[in-house]
Amino acid sequence: MTKLSSTGLRWIWLVLVVIGIDFASKIWVMNTMTLHETRPLIPFLNLFYAHNYGAAFSFLADKGGWQRWFFAGIAIAIAVALLVMMYRTRASNKLANIAYALIIGGALGNLFDRAWHGFVVDFIDFYIGDWHFATFNIADCGICIGAALVVLEGFFNPDSKKALS
């Protein structure tokens, strides 16, 4: 039997950190900004308070509400699958476990929004000139950084896929 401390679940604290920062930032935005308000920060970054009823880039945002539960189901499935992967991965495989934890934290952060509000709170507006990237949040950052780390981990540590015996 494998001790939990020797598995990737040792990194579960990072999931809680991502959820906590995401939750706190969204509460701050909802309590200090009005919907669609913009606050410039630096020449290429604004705070812009928005509600996203869809997924990435507002995918399926205008489909009448069923997508809320569809995306919630996807988030739960991803979180469960990655928790299993963390359990099967050695705690010493930091890059993979950090990646999984960031993705789980982001998925659960946005899942909470969908379940509680019916939409995801977005507020980070990156832009260059007149071109604006899709508005996003801390949970989305966790998911994107985690996904990038999964790709990097595959290139730099091809033997890391070995599970615990």
Protein backbone atom coordinates (compact mmCIF):
# COMPACT_ATOMS: atom_id res chain seq x y z
CA MET A 1 0.00 0.00 0.00
CA THR A 2 1.32 3.42 -0.94
CA LYS A 3 1.53 6.17 1.66
CA LEU A 4 -0.40 9.25 0.55
CA SER A 5 2.59 11.44 1.44
CA SER A 6 4.63 9.67 -1.23
CA THR A 7 2.02 10.34 -3.92
CA GLY A 8 1.28 13.49 -5.84
CA LEU A 9 -1.62 14.13 -3.45
CA ARG A 10 1.04 15.64 -1.22
CA TRP A 11 0.68 18.69 -3.52
CA ILE A 12 -3.07 19.09 -2.87
CA TRP A 13 -2.29 22.22 -0.84
CA LEU A 14 -1.58 24.00 -4.13
CA VAL A 15 -5.13 23.26 -5.31
CA LEU A 16 -6.40 25.05 -2.20
CA VAL A 17 -4.07 28.02 -2.78
CA VAL A 18 -5.34 28.48 -6.36
CA ILE A 19 -8.97 28.20 -5.23
CA GLY A 20 -8.37 30.66 -2.37
CA ILE A 21 -6.64 33.31 -4.50
CA ASP A 22 -9.21 32.90 -7.27
CA PHE A 23 -12.14 33.18 -4.84
CA ALA A 24 -10.69 36.19 -3.02
CA SER A 25 -9.92 38.03 -6.26
CA LYS A 26 -13.42 37.44 -7.63
CA ILE A 27 -15.06 38.57 -4.38
CA TRP A 28 -12.92 41.71 -4.44
CA VAL A 29 -13.90 42.47 -8.05
CA MET A 30 -17.61 41.87 -7.40
CA ASN A 31 -17.55 44.06 -4.29
CA THR A 32 -15.51 46.97 -5.68
CA MET A 33 -16.45 47.17 -9.37
CA THR A 34 -19.64 47.45 -11.36
CA LEU A 35 -20.34 45.04 -14.21
CA HIS A 36 -18.41 46.08 -17.37
CA GLU A 37 -16.34 48.65 -15.47
CA THR A 38 -12.74 49.05 -16.65
CA ARG A 39 -9.82 50.07 -14.43
CA PRO A 40 -6.49 50.61 -16.19
CA LEU A 41 -3.50 49.10 -14.40
CA ILE A 42 -0.53 49.32 -16.76
CA PRO A 43 -0.30 50.12 -20.51
CA PHE A 44 -1.27 46.56 -21.58
CA LEU A 45 -3.42 45.38 -18.67
CA ASN A 46 -6.82 46.45 -17.32
CA LEU A 47 -9.24 45.13 -14.79
CA PHE A 48 -12.54 44.65 -16.62
CA TYR A 49 -15.43 43.08 -14.71
CA ALA A 50 -17.38 40.63 -16.87
CA HIS A 51 -19.66 37.62 -16.51
CA ASN A 52 -18.90 34.64 -18.74
CA TYR A 53 -21.82 32.25 -19.23
CA GLY A 54 -19.79 30.00 -21.50
CA ALA A 55 -16.31 28.52 -21.40
CA ALA A 56 -13.00 29.77 -22.78
CA PHE A 57 -13.48 32.76 -25.10
CA SER A 58 -17.21 32.72 -24.14
CA PHE A 59 -17.69 29.45 -26.06
CA LEU A 60 -21.41 28.50 -25.95
CA ALA A 61 -22.23 31.57 -23.82
CA ASP A 62 -25.47 32.24 -25.68
CA LYS A 63 -27.00 28.75 -25.55
CA GLY A 64 -29.73 29.25 -22.96
CA GLY A 65 -28.27 27.81 -19.76
CA TRP A 66 -27.68 24.10 -20.37
CA GLN A 67 -23.98 24.82 -20.91
CA ARG A 68 -23.65 25.78 -17.21
CA TRP A 69 -24.17 22.16 -16.18
CA PHE A 70 -22.27 20.76 -19.14
CA PHE A 71 -19.14 22.75 -18.22
CA ALA A 72 -19.65 21.92 -14.54
CA GLY A 73 -19.65 18.22 -15.43
CA ILE A 74 -16.49 18.62 -17.48
CA ALA A 75 -14.78 20.43 -14.57
CA ILE A 76 -15.72 17.64 -12.15
CA ALA A 77 -14.52 14.94 -14.56
CA ILE A 78 -11.21 16.73 -15.11
CA ALA A 79 -10.67 17.28 -11.38
CA VAL A 80 -11.38 13.61 -10.58
CA ALA A 81 -9.16 12.35 -13.41
CA LEU A 82 -6.27 14.61 -12.36
CA LEU A 83 -6.67 13.66 -8.69
CA VAL A 84 -6.29 10.01 -9.75
CA MET A 85 -3.22 10.97 -11.79
CA MET A 86 -1.77 12.81 -8.78
CA TYR A 87 -2.36 9.72 -6.64
CA ARG A 88 -0.54 7.58 -9.21
CA THR A 89 2.37 10.02 -9.61
CA ARG A 90 5.27 10.14 -7.18
CA ALA A 91 5.37 13.19 -4.91
CA SER A 92 8.92 13.82 -6.11
CA ASN A 93 7.66 14.48 -9.65
CA LYS A 94 7.11 18.13 -8.82
CA LEU A 95 6.48 19.50 -12.29
CA ALA A 96 3.66 17.07 -13.11
CA ASN A 97 2.02 17.41 -9.70
CA ILE A 98 2.22 21.21 -9.74
CA ALA A 99 0.66 21.17 -13.22
CA TYR A 100 -2.18 18.88 -12.11
CA ALA A 101 -2.79 20.94 -8.97
CA LEU A 102 -2.97 24.21 -10.93
CA ILE A 103 -5.45 22.73 -13.40
CA ILE A 104 -7.60 21.21 -10.64
CA GLY A 105 -7.60 24.47 -8.66
CA GLY A 106 -8.59 26.45 -11.74
CA ALA A 107 -11.30 23.99 -12.76
CA LEU A 108 -12.78 23.98 -9.25
CA GLY A 109 -12.54 27.77 -8.95
CA ASN A 110 -14.59 28.24 -12.10
CA LEU A 111 -16.89 25.35 -11.11
CA PHE A 112 -17.78 27.20 -7.91
CA ASP A 113 -18.70 30.29 -9.94
CA ARG A 114 -20.88 28.29 -12.33
CA ALA A 115 -22.67 26.49 -9.51
CA TRP A 116 -23.15 29.56 -7.28
CA HIS A 117 -23.65 32.41 -9.74
CA GLY A 118 -24.54 30.67 -13.00
CA PHE A 119 -21.59 32.37 -14.68
CA VAL A 120 -17.83 32.75 -14.25
CA VAL A 121 -16.47 36.08 -13.01
CA ASP A 122 -13.72 37.34 -15.32
CA PHE A 123 -11.66 40.48 -14.81
CA ILE A 124 -8.18 40.31 -16.36
CA ASP A 125 -8.05 42.21 -19.65
CA PHE A 126 -4.76 41.90 -21.52
CA TYR A 127 -4.46 44.04 -24.63
CA ILE A 128 -2.07 45.41 -27.24
CA GLY A 129 -3.22 48.61 -28.93
CA ASP A 130 -6.87 48.11 -29.86
CA TRP A 131 -6.66 44.28 -29.72
CA HIS A 132 -7.97 42.73 -26.50
CA PHE A 133 -7.44 39.11 -25.52
CA ALA A 134 -10.46 37.33 -23.99
CA THR A 135 -11.11 38.51 -20.43
CA PHE A 136 -10.06 35.86 -17.91
CA ASN A 137 -9.43 35.23 -14.19
CA ILE A 138 -7.01 33.59 -11.76
CA ALA A 139 -8.61 30.16 -12.21
CA ASP A 140 -8.05 30.44 -15.96
CA CYS A 141 -4.41 31.37 -15.28
CA GLY A 142 -4.03 28.22 -13.18
CA ILE A 143 -5.51 26.07 -15.94
CA CYS A 144 -3.33 27.62 -18.67
CA ILE A 145 -0.11 27.52 -16.66
CA GLY A 146 -0.87 23.96 -15.57
CA ALA A 147 -1.53 22.88 -19.16
CA ALA A 148 1.73 24.50 -20.32
CA LEU A 149 3.59 22.68 -17.53
CA VAL A 150 2.07 19.34 -18.63
CA VAL A 151 3.42 19.96 -22.14
CA LEU A 152 6.84 21.03 -20.81
CA GLU A 153 6.96 18.06 -18.49
CA GLY A 154 6.43 15.77 -21.45
CA PHE A 155 9.42 17.29 -23.25
CA PHE A 156 11.83 17.60 -20.34
CA ASN A 157 10.95 14.57 -18.27
CA PRO A 158 9.75 11.74 -20.53
CA ASP A 159 10.34 9.13 -17.79
CA SER A 160 8.03 10.96 -15.38
CA LYS A 161 5.01 9.00 -16.58
CA LYS A 162 6.06 6.05 -14.44
CA ALA A 163 3.41 5.46 -11.79
CA LEU A 164 3.95 4.30 -8.24
CA SER A 165 4.23 0.56 -7.85
